[in-house]
Protein backbone atom coordinates (compact mmCIF):
# COMPACT_ATOMS: atom_id res chain seq x y z
CA MET A 1 0.15 -0.30 0.11
CA SER A 2 1.33 3.33 -0.90
CA ASP A 3 3.23 5.24 2.14
CA HIS A 4 1.47 8.57 0.79
CA TYR A 5 -2.06 7.35 2.57
CA THR A 6 -2.64 8.24 5.95
CA PHE A 7 -2.96 6.01 9.32
CA GLU A 8 -6.52 6.04 9.33
CA THR A 9 -6.94 5.04 5.52
CA LYS A 10 -4.01 2.37 6.08
CA LEU A 11 -6.24 0.87 8.88
CA LEU A 12 -9.09 -0.24 6.11
CA HIS A 13 -6.60 -0.36 2.60
CA ASN A 14 -3.90 -2.76 2.93
CA LYS A 15 -3.13 -5.87 0.96
CA HIS A 16 -5.62 -7.61 3.12
CA LYS A 17 -8.85 -5.66 2.22
CA TYR A 18 -10.09 -8.38 0.04
CA ASP A 19 -9.16 -11.75 -0.70
CA PRO A 20 -7.66 -12.03 -4.13
CA ALA A 21 -9.11 -15.86 -4.74
CA THR A 22 -12.93 -14.61 -4.54
CA GLY A 23 -13.03 -11.01 -3.79
CA ALA A 24 -14.57 -11.55 -0.33
CA VAL A 25 -14.00 -8.16 1.28
CA SER A 26 -12.57 -10.24 4.68
CA VAL A 27 -9.64 -12.22 5.08
CA PRO A 28 -10.64 -15.91 5.11
CA ILE A 29 -10.27 -17.69 8.34
CA GLN A 30 -7.76 -21.12 7.24
CA HIS A 31 -8.52 -23.72 10.11
CA ALA A 32 -6.18 -26.34 8.24
CA SER A 33 -3.35 -27.42 10.68
CA THR A 34 -1.13 -28.74 7.81
CA TYR A 35 -1.00 -28.65 4.01
CA HIS A 36 -0.26 -30.87 1.48
CA GLN A 37 2.83 -30.77 -0.25
CA GLU A 38 3.46 -31.52 -4.09
CA ASN A 39 6.99 -33.02 -3.79
CA ILE A 40 9.34 -34.42 -1.08
CA ASP A 41 12.16 -32.13 -2.46
CA SER A 42 10.28 -28.92 -2.41
CA PHE A 43 7.74 -28.04 0.25
CA GLY A 44 5.32 -24.56 -0.20
CA LYS A 45 5.24 -21.66 1.80
CA TYR A 46 2.86 -23.33 4.38
CA ASP A 47 3.35 -26.52 5.96
CA TYR A 48 2.18 -26.46 9.59
CA SER A 49 -0.13 -23.95 10.89
CA ARG A 50 2.15 -23.38 14.23
CA SER A 51 5.16 -22.39 11.80
CA LEU A 52 2.79 -20.14 9.14
CA ASN A 53 -0.93 -19.77 8.50
CA PRO A 54 -2.71 -17.56 6.10
CA THR A 55 -4.76 -16.33 8.72
CA ARG A 56 -2.26 -15.25 11.15
CA GLU A 57 0.32 -14.18 8.28
CA ALA A 58 -2.37 -11.21 7.70
CA VAL A 59 -2.53 -10.01 10.90
CA GLU A 60 1.42 -10.28 11.09
CA GLU A 61 1.30 -8.04 8.00
CA VAL A 62 -0.87 -5.60 8.55
CA ILE A 63 0.50 -5.03 12.49
CA ALA A 64 4.26 -4.64 10.53
CA GLU A 65 3.14 -2.03 8.34
CA LEU A 66 1.13 0.09 11.05
CA GLU A 67 3.97 0.09 13.42
CA ASP A 68 6.42 0.88 10.21
CA GLY A 69 8.08 -2.58 10.80
CA THR A 70 10.02 -4.90 8.70
CA LYS A 71 8.04 -8.13 10.34
CA GLY A 72 5.11 -9.08 12.40
CA PHE A 73 4.46 -11.83 14.87
CA ALA A 74 1.02 -12.96 16.38
CA PHE A 75 0.81 -14.67 19.80
CA ALA A 76 -1.64 -16.46 22.19
CA SER A 77 -1.39 -13.24 24.72
CA GLY A 78 0.31 -10.29 25.39
CA MET A 79 2.62 -12.35 27.84
CA ALA A 80 3.23 -15.12 25.40
CA ALA A 81 4.79 -12.13 23.06
CA ILE A 82 6.95 -10.51 25.55
CA SER A 83 7.75 -13.90 26.76
CA THR A 84 9.21 -15.05 23.54
CA ALA A 85 11.00 -11.56 22.96
CA PHE A 86 12.96 -12.41 26.32
CA LEU A 87 13.83 -15.77 25.21
CA LEU A 88 16.39 -13.67 22.43
CA LEU A 89 18.46 -13.45 26.00
CA SER A 90 20.75 -16.17 27.23
CA GLN A 91 21.84 -17.17 30.96
CA GLY A 92 23.99 -14.25 32.14
CA ASP A 93 22.36 -11.60 30.47
CA HIS A 94 20.99 -8.75 32.13
CA VAL A 95 18.15 -6.10 31.59
CA VAL A 96 17.13 -3.02 32.63
CA ILE A 97 13.51 -2.60 32.98
CA THR A 98 10.99 0.05 33.87
CA GLU A 99 10.44 -0.15 37.34
CA ASP A 100 6.22 0.58 37.09
CA VAL A 101 5.77 -1.95 34.70
CA TYR A 102 3.10 -4.16 34.17
CA GLY A 103 2.64 -6.87 36.58
CA GLY A 104 2.63 -9.91 34.29
CA THR A 105 6.16 -8.42 33.10
CA TYR A 106 7.39 -7.88 36.75
CA ARG A 107 6.38 -11.59 37.15
CA MET A 108 8.34 -13.01 34.14
CA VAL A 109 11.37 -11.14 34.98
CA THR A 110 11.57 -11.91 38.89
CA THR A 111 10.25 -15.37 39.16
CA VAL A 112 11.14 -16.63 35.87
CA LEU A 113 14.09 -14.98 33.82
CA ASN A 114 15.93 -15.03 36.90
CA ARG A 115 15.65 -19.15 37.45
CA PHE A 116 17.37 -19.35 34.19
CA GLY A 117 20.34 -16.95 35.08
CA ILE A 118 19.16 -13.82 33.46
CA GLU A 119 19.36 -10.91 35.91
CA HIS A 120 17.20 -7.63 36.27
CA THR A 121 17.32 -4.31 37.42
CA PHE A 122 14.67 -2.05 37.61
CA VAL A 123 15.25 1.67 37.28
CA ASP A 124 13.08 4.88 37.24
CA MET A 125 13.36 5.37 33.05
CA THR A 126 12.03 8.76 33.53
CA ASP A 127 15.79 9.52 34.70
CA LEU A 128 18.35 8.85 31.94
CA GLU A 129 21.22 8.92 34.26
CA ALA A 130 19.59 6.15 36.61
CA VAL A 131 19.30 4.16 33.23
CA GLU A 132 22.77 4.67 32.12
CA LYS A 133 24.03 3.99 35.69
CA ALA A 134 21.92 0.72 35.90
CA ILE A 135 23.49 -0.61 32.82
CA GLN A 136 26.22 -3.26 33.16
CA PRO A 137 28.82 -4.94 30.74
CA ASN A 138 26.18 -8.28 30.17
CA THR A 139 23.55 -5.92 29.58
CA LYS A 140 21.46 -6.57 26.43
CA VAL A 141 18.13 -5.52 26.60
CA LEU A 142 16.68 -2.08 27.84
CA TYR A 143 12.83 -2.75 28.59
CA VAL A 144 10.62 0.47 28.20
CA GLU A 145 6.65 0.60 29.23
CA THR A 146 5.63 3.81 28.36
CA PRO A 147 3.09 5.63 29.52
CA SER A 148 3.70 3.03 32.26
CA ASN A 149 1.32 0.75 33.91
CA PRO A 150 -0.41 2.15 36.44
CA THR A 151 1.25 5.33 37.20
CA LEU A 152 1.61 6.84 33.54
CA LYS A 153 5.24 7.58 33.56
CA VAL A 154 6.54 8.72 30.62
CA THR A 155 10.17 7.47 29.41
CA ASP A 156 11.92 9.03 26.29
CA ILE A 157 12.11 6.45 24.05
CA GLN A 158 14.56 7.88 21.45
CA ALA A 159 16.89 9.01 24.33
CA VAL A 160 16.73 5.28 25.79
CA SER A 161 17.16 3.46 22.58
CA ALA A 162 20.05 5.88 21.88
CA LEU A 163 21.62 4.91 25.00
CA ALA A 164 20.88 0.91 24.52
CA LYS A 165 23.04 1.07 21.00
CA LYS A 166 25.68 3.08 22.75
CA HIS A 167 26.06 -0.04 25.06
CA HIS A 168 25.28 -2.56 22.09
CA ALA A 169 21.59 -3.37 23.53
CA TRP A 170 18.32 -3.97 22.23
CA THR A 171 15.02 -1.93 23.05
CA PHE A 172 11.84 -3.58 23.74
CA VAL A 173 9.05 -0.77 24.18
CA ASP A 174 5.51 -2.11 25.39
CA ASN A 175 3.29 0.06 23.20
CA THR A 176 -0.19 -1.47 24.31
CA PHE A 177 -1.56 2.00 25.99
CA LEU A 178 -1.08 3.88 22.91
CA THR A 179 -0.68 1.63 19.79
CA PRO A 180 0.54 2.51 16.36
CA ALA A 181 -2.23 5.34 16.06
CA LEU A 182 -0.72 7.55 18.80
CA GLN A 183 2.85 6.42 18.91
CA LYS A 184 5.25 4.57 17.15
CA PRO A 185 8.36 3.37 18.88
CA LEU A 186 10.08 1.74 16.21
CA ASN A 187 10.52 5.08 14.52
CA LEU A 188 12.60 6.28 17.77
CA GLY A 189 14.82 4.09 17.88
CA ALA A 190 13.28 0.84 19.54
CA ASP A 191 13.79 -2.62 18.36
CA ILE A 192 11.35 -4.30 19.14
CA VAL A 193 7.73 -3.11 19.92
CA LEU A 194 5.30 -5.10 22.24
CA HIS A 195 1.26 -5.28 22.66
CA SER A 196 -0.88 -6.69 24.59
CA ALA A 197 -3.29 -6.79 21.87
CA THR A 198 -6.29 -7.71 23.79
CA LYS A 199 -6.37 -4.24 24.56
CA PHE A 200 -7.03 -1.51 22.15
CA LEU A 201 -5.94 -3.53 19.00
CA SER A 202 -9.02 -5.55 19.44
CA GLY A 203 -10.73 -3.27 21.02
CA HIS A 204 -13.78 -5.72 22.54
CA SER A 205 -12.98 -7.32 25.52
CA ASP A 206 -13.00 -10.67 23.25
CA VAL A 207 -10.00 -11.66 22.53
CA VAL A 208 -6.62 -12.14 23.82
CA ALA A 209 -3.55 -12.04 22.06
CA GLY A 210 -0.36 -10.42 21.75
CA LEU A 211 1.90 -8.83 18.95
CA ALA A 212 5.82 -8.01 18.33
CA VAL A 213 6.97 -5.96 15.52
CA VAL A 214 10.51 -5.80 14.57
CA LYS A 215 12.70 -3.34 12.85
CA ASP A 216 15.85 -5.11 11.84
CA ALA A 217 15.44 -7.91 9.65
CA GLU A 218 18.31 -9.99 11.37
CA LEU A 219 16.72 -9.33 14.49
CA ALA A 220 13.41 -10.74 12.99
CA GLU A 221 14.40 -13.63 11.85
CA GLN A 222 15.85 -14.61 15.30
CA LEU A 223 12.35 -13.35 17.04
CA GLY A 224 10.52 -15.72 14.32
CA TYR A 225 12.68 -18.85 15.21
CA LEU A 226 11.65 -18.19 18.17
CA GLN A 227 8.06 -17.89 17.64
CA ASN A 228 8.07 -21.45 15.70
CA SER A 229 10.09 -23.01 18.36
CA PHE A 230 8.05 -21.64 21.61
CA GLY A 231 4.71 -22.29 19.46
CA ALA A 232 2.55 -19.75 21.82
CA VAL A 233 0.88 -18.47 18.21
CA LEU A 234 -2.39 -16.66 17.66
CA GLY A 235 -5.27 -18.63 16.65
CA VAL A 236 -6.98 -18.16 13.46
CA GLN A 237 -10.29 -16.99 15.01
CA ASP A 238 -8.83 -14.69 17.22
CA CYS A 239 -6.50 -13.60 14.38
CA TRP A 240 -9.77 -12.79 12.71
CA LEU A 241 -11.46 -11.25 15.47
CA LEU A 242 -8.56 -9.00 15.94
CA LEU A 243 -8.27 -7.75 12.30
CA ARG A 244 -11.47 -6.68 12.34
CA GLY A 245 -10.86 -4.83 15.68
CA ILE A 246 -7.91 -3.00 14.01
CA LYS A 247 -10.08 -1.21 11.47
CA THR A 248 -11.70 0.66 13.76
CA LEU A 249 -8.84 1.40 16.15
CA HIS A 250 -8.48 5.01 14.63
CA VAL A 251 -11.83 6.51 15.50
CA ARG A 252 -12.09 4.54 18.76
CA MET A 253 -8.48 6.12 20.24
CA LYS A 254 -9.87 9.11 19.30
CA HIS A 255 -13.10 9.07 20.72
CA SER A 256 -11.66 7.37 24.08
CA SER A 257 -8.93 9.59 24.02
CA GLY A 258 -10.67 12.91 23.84
CA SER A 259 -13.17 11.54 26.74
CA ALA A 260 -10.29 10.37 28.82
CA PHE A 261 -8.98 14.15 28.84
CA THR A 262 -12.56 15.75 29.32
CA ILE A 263 -12.80 12.96 32.36
CA ALA A 264 -9.55 13.33 34.17
CA ASN A 265 -10.05 17.28 34.27
CA TYR A 266 -13.02 16.43 36.32
CA LEU A 267 -11.39 14.28 38.43
CA ASN A 268 -8.27 16.74 38.86
CA ASN A 269 -10.52 18.94 39.93
CA HIS A 270 -12.62 16.99 42.57
CA PRO A 271 -11.91 17.44 46.47
CA GLN A 272 -12.70 13.67 46.83
CA ILE A 273 -9.62 12.95 43.95
CA LYS A 274 -6.23 12.96 46.25
CA LYS A 275 -4.04 12.77 42.61
CA VAL A 276 -4.80 12.11 39.07
CA TYR A 277 -2.13 10.05 37.09
CA TYR A 278 -2.37 11.51 33.42
CA PRO A 279 0.23 12.39 30.72
CA GLY A 280 -2.30 14.89 29.10
CA PHE A 281 -1.61 17.83 31.88
CA GLU A 282 0.62 20.26 31.22
CA ASP A 283 2.17 20.20 35.10
CA HIS A 284 2.88 16.22 34.48
CA PRO A 285 6.57 15.68 34.87
CA GLN A 286 7.00 14.26 31.56
CA TYR A 287 4.16 16.61 29.36
CA LYS A 288 6.95 17.59 26.82
CA ILE A 289 8.21 14.36 26.13
CA GLN A 290 4.78 12.85 25.61
CA LYS A 291 3.55 15.65 23.18
CA GLU A 292 6.73 14.88 21.14
CA GLN A 293 6.74 11.54 20.92
CA ALA A 294 3.38 10.73 20.62
CA SER A 295 0.19 12.51 19.04
CA SER A 296 -2.21 11.93 22.30
CA PRO A 297 -1.91 10.82 25.61
CA GLY A 298 -3.97 8.12 25.23
CA ALA A 299 -7.13 6.96 26.68
CA VAL A 300 -5.86 5.52 30.16
CA PHE A 301 -5.02 6.97 33.50
CA SER A 302 -5.01 6.26 37.07
CA PHE A 303 -6.56 8.35 40.02
CA GLU A 304 -5.98 8.04 43.66
CA LEU A 305 -8.96 8.96 46.35
CA HIS A 306 -7.94 9.83 50.05
CA THR A 307 -8.75 6.33 51.53
CA GLU A 308 -8.94 2.77 50.92
CA GLU A 309 -12.28 3.27 52.25
CA ALA A 310 -13.22 5.73 49.67
CA MET A 311 -12.21 4.09 47.31
CA ARG A 312 -14.03 1.13 47.83
CA THR A 313 -17.04 2.98 48.47
CA PHE A 314 -16.74 4.59 45.09
CA VAL A 315 -16.16 1.55 42.95
CA SER A 316 -19.41 0.03 45.15
CA ASN A 317 -21.45 3.04 43.63
CA VAL A 318 -20.42 3.69 40.13
CA GLU A 319 -22.66 2.07 37.71
CA LEU A 320 -21.29 2.68 34.20
CA PRO A 321 -17.72 1.21 33.96
CA VAL A 322 -17.05 -2.31 34.13
CA PHE A 323 -14.87 -3.17 37.10
CA ALA A 324 -12.58 -5.67 35.89
CA VAL A 325 -9.06 -6.38 34.67
CA SER A 326 -7.83 -5.38 31.46
CA LEU A 327 -8.09 -2.46 29.35
CA GLY A 328 -8.64 -0.70 25.91
CA ALA A 329 -12.02 -1.85 25.27
CA VAL A 330 -15.23 -0.43 23.92
CA GLU A 331 -16.81 -0.17 27.21
CA SER A 332 -14.85 2.09 30.17
CA ILE A 333 -13.16 -0.15 32.48
CA LEU A 334 -12.31 0.41 35.91
CA SER A 335 -9.42 -1.52 37.53
CA TYR A 336 -7.83 -1.89 40.79
CA PRO A 337 -4.08 -2.46 40.33
CA ALA A 338 -3.24 -3.30 43.59
CA LYS A 339 -5.35 -6.67 43.58
CA MET A 340 -5.65 -6.79 39.58
CA SER A 341 -2.86 -5.62 37.14
CA HIS A 342 -0.33 -5.69 39.95
CA ALA A 343 -1.15 -8.37 42.05
CA ALA A 344 2.26 -10.22 41.24
CA MET A 345 3.81 -7.45 43.20
CA GLY A 346 4.34 -7.56 46.99
CA PRO A 347 2.80 -4.62 48.90
CA ILE A 348 6.61 -3.20 49.55
CA ALA A 349 7.09 -3.30 45.79
CA ARG A 350 4.03 -1.65 45.16
CA GLN A 351 4.15 1.10 47.55
CA GLU A 352 7.43 1.98 46.26
CA ARG A 353 6.36 2.47 42.92
CA GLY A 354 3.05 4.40 43.95
CA ILE A 355 0.66 1.89 43.76
CA THR A 356 -1.43 2.62 47.16
CA ASP A 357 -4.51 0.93 48.18
CA ALA A 358 -6.72 3.88 46.99
CA LEU A 359 -5.35 4.26 43.08
CA LEU A 360 -7.82 3.29 40.59
CA ARG A 361 -7.18 3.05 36.48
CA LEU A 362 -9.31 4.11 34.14
CA SER A 363 -9.82 2.45 30.77
CA VAL A 364 -11.97 5.20 29.00
CA GLY A 365 -14.61 3.56 26.45
CA LEU A 366 -16.98 4.99 23.87
CA GLU A 367 -19.55 6.07 25.86
CA ASN A 368 -20.65 9.81 26.14
CA PRO A 369 -17.99 11.34 28.76
CA GLU A 370 -20.63 13.45 30.09
CA ASP A 371 -22.77 10.20 30.93
CA LEU A 372 -19.59 8.82 32.79
CA ILE A 373 -18.81 12.32 34.37
CA LYS A 374 -22.37 12.29 36.10
CA ASP A 375 -22.09 8.45 37.44
CA PHE A 376 -18.70 9.30 38.77
CA ASP A 377 -20.08 12.47 40.43
CA GLN A 378 -22.93 10.69 42.19
CA ALA A 379 -20.39 7.84 43.41
CA LEU A 380 -18.14 10.58 44.67
CA LYS A 381 -21.00 12.17 46.50
CA LYS A 382 -21.23 8.69 48.19
CA THR A 383 -17.61 9.26 49.14
CA ALA A 384 -17.84 12.38 50.86
CA GLU A 385 -20.51 11.46 53.12
CA LEU A 386 -18.18 9.21 54.70
CA GLN A 387 -16.64 12.07 55.89
CA ILE A 388 -19.49 13.84 57.03
CA ILE A 389 -20.81 10.64 59.33
């Protein structure tokens, strides 16, 4: 597809806009696990669907184009994508990683990779001096999550990628919160961009999927080898649902991000709210960096009430958001990081990262933001009554 088209047009008009065999305006779902070969000496493009499947190949090509990468890979979950990328490392290697990273990634690094002799150092990635100080002779990966989950810290991808190259290391970036609709890490120097495609890319709370996109062809070959070896590939039905979800990514992100700005401002001025974590505020410490490297602060933010009791009262009284694990769906999702996304962290580790027992994370969906504000307002009035009684 021609590069002169805009991102939102490329979501719909790519090599997979219709099936060349039938003209069907939908990617065919190929359920075959194996493929007939014409002779013993030369196999066709497809032989076994763990290695390559036409439906999975379609979503992999689409995400590679959207992220401006060389090759895309689809996995059974976001953690399968992240874990397979970590398999590029070997015993004795070292990872420098965002300190307030997603709980599943934290668990993988601290309880799985360490068993295989892969070391790690958590660091505040917003402090470049601290990042460079954490780099060791055996450091092979700088792992970035930006904006971070759930405190929405913003890492300078270009600066961290430059540091990684200086020390002959790779940069991995988790781009789940913003997607290529709002941020393209590979164009800022990253080597691998990772997604929990369960979230905004699929967008409908009906798919569990992971994606990875690589810039360098040689690195892509290595990751492809690991994808085939490890085998945690995405099933064809989920590939098709993911492709369908991606088509509406631009309009969903635009609406949800705009609503997030409106709701975050409302909460930021409410006396029952202690703090709002949102990179769209001018007083956010990394506001300037976020504005330079992304086209929007996104549709996710966190907010803290004054006490755990107030938080519990609020959650018990809101009506519109789904109270659940996950984010990035058409419906707004309210989450409690301490017991959901970051339950893998111990209480001390959570407190060190600002993940208090009164902190909530909101992923804004496609509702009218004024309806969400009305709902929040009535729930916050209930929390105010706690102080009166």
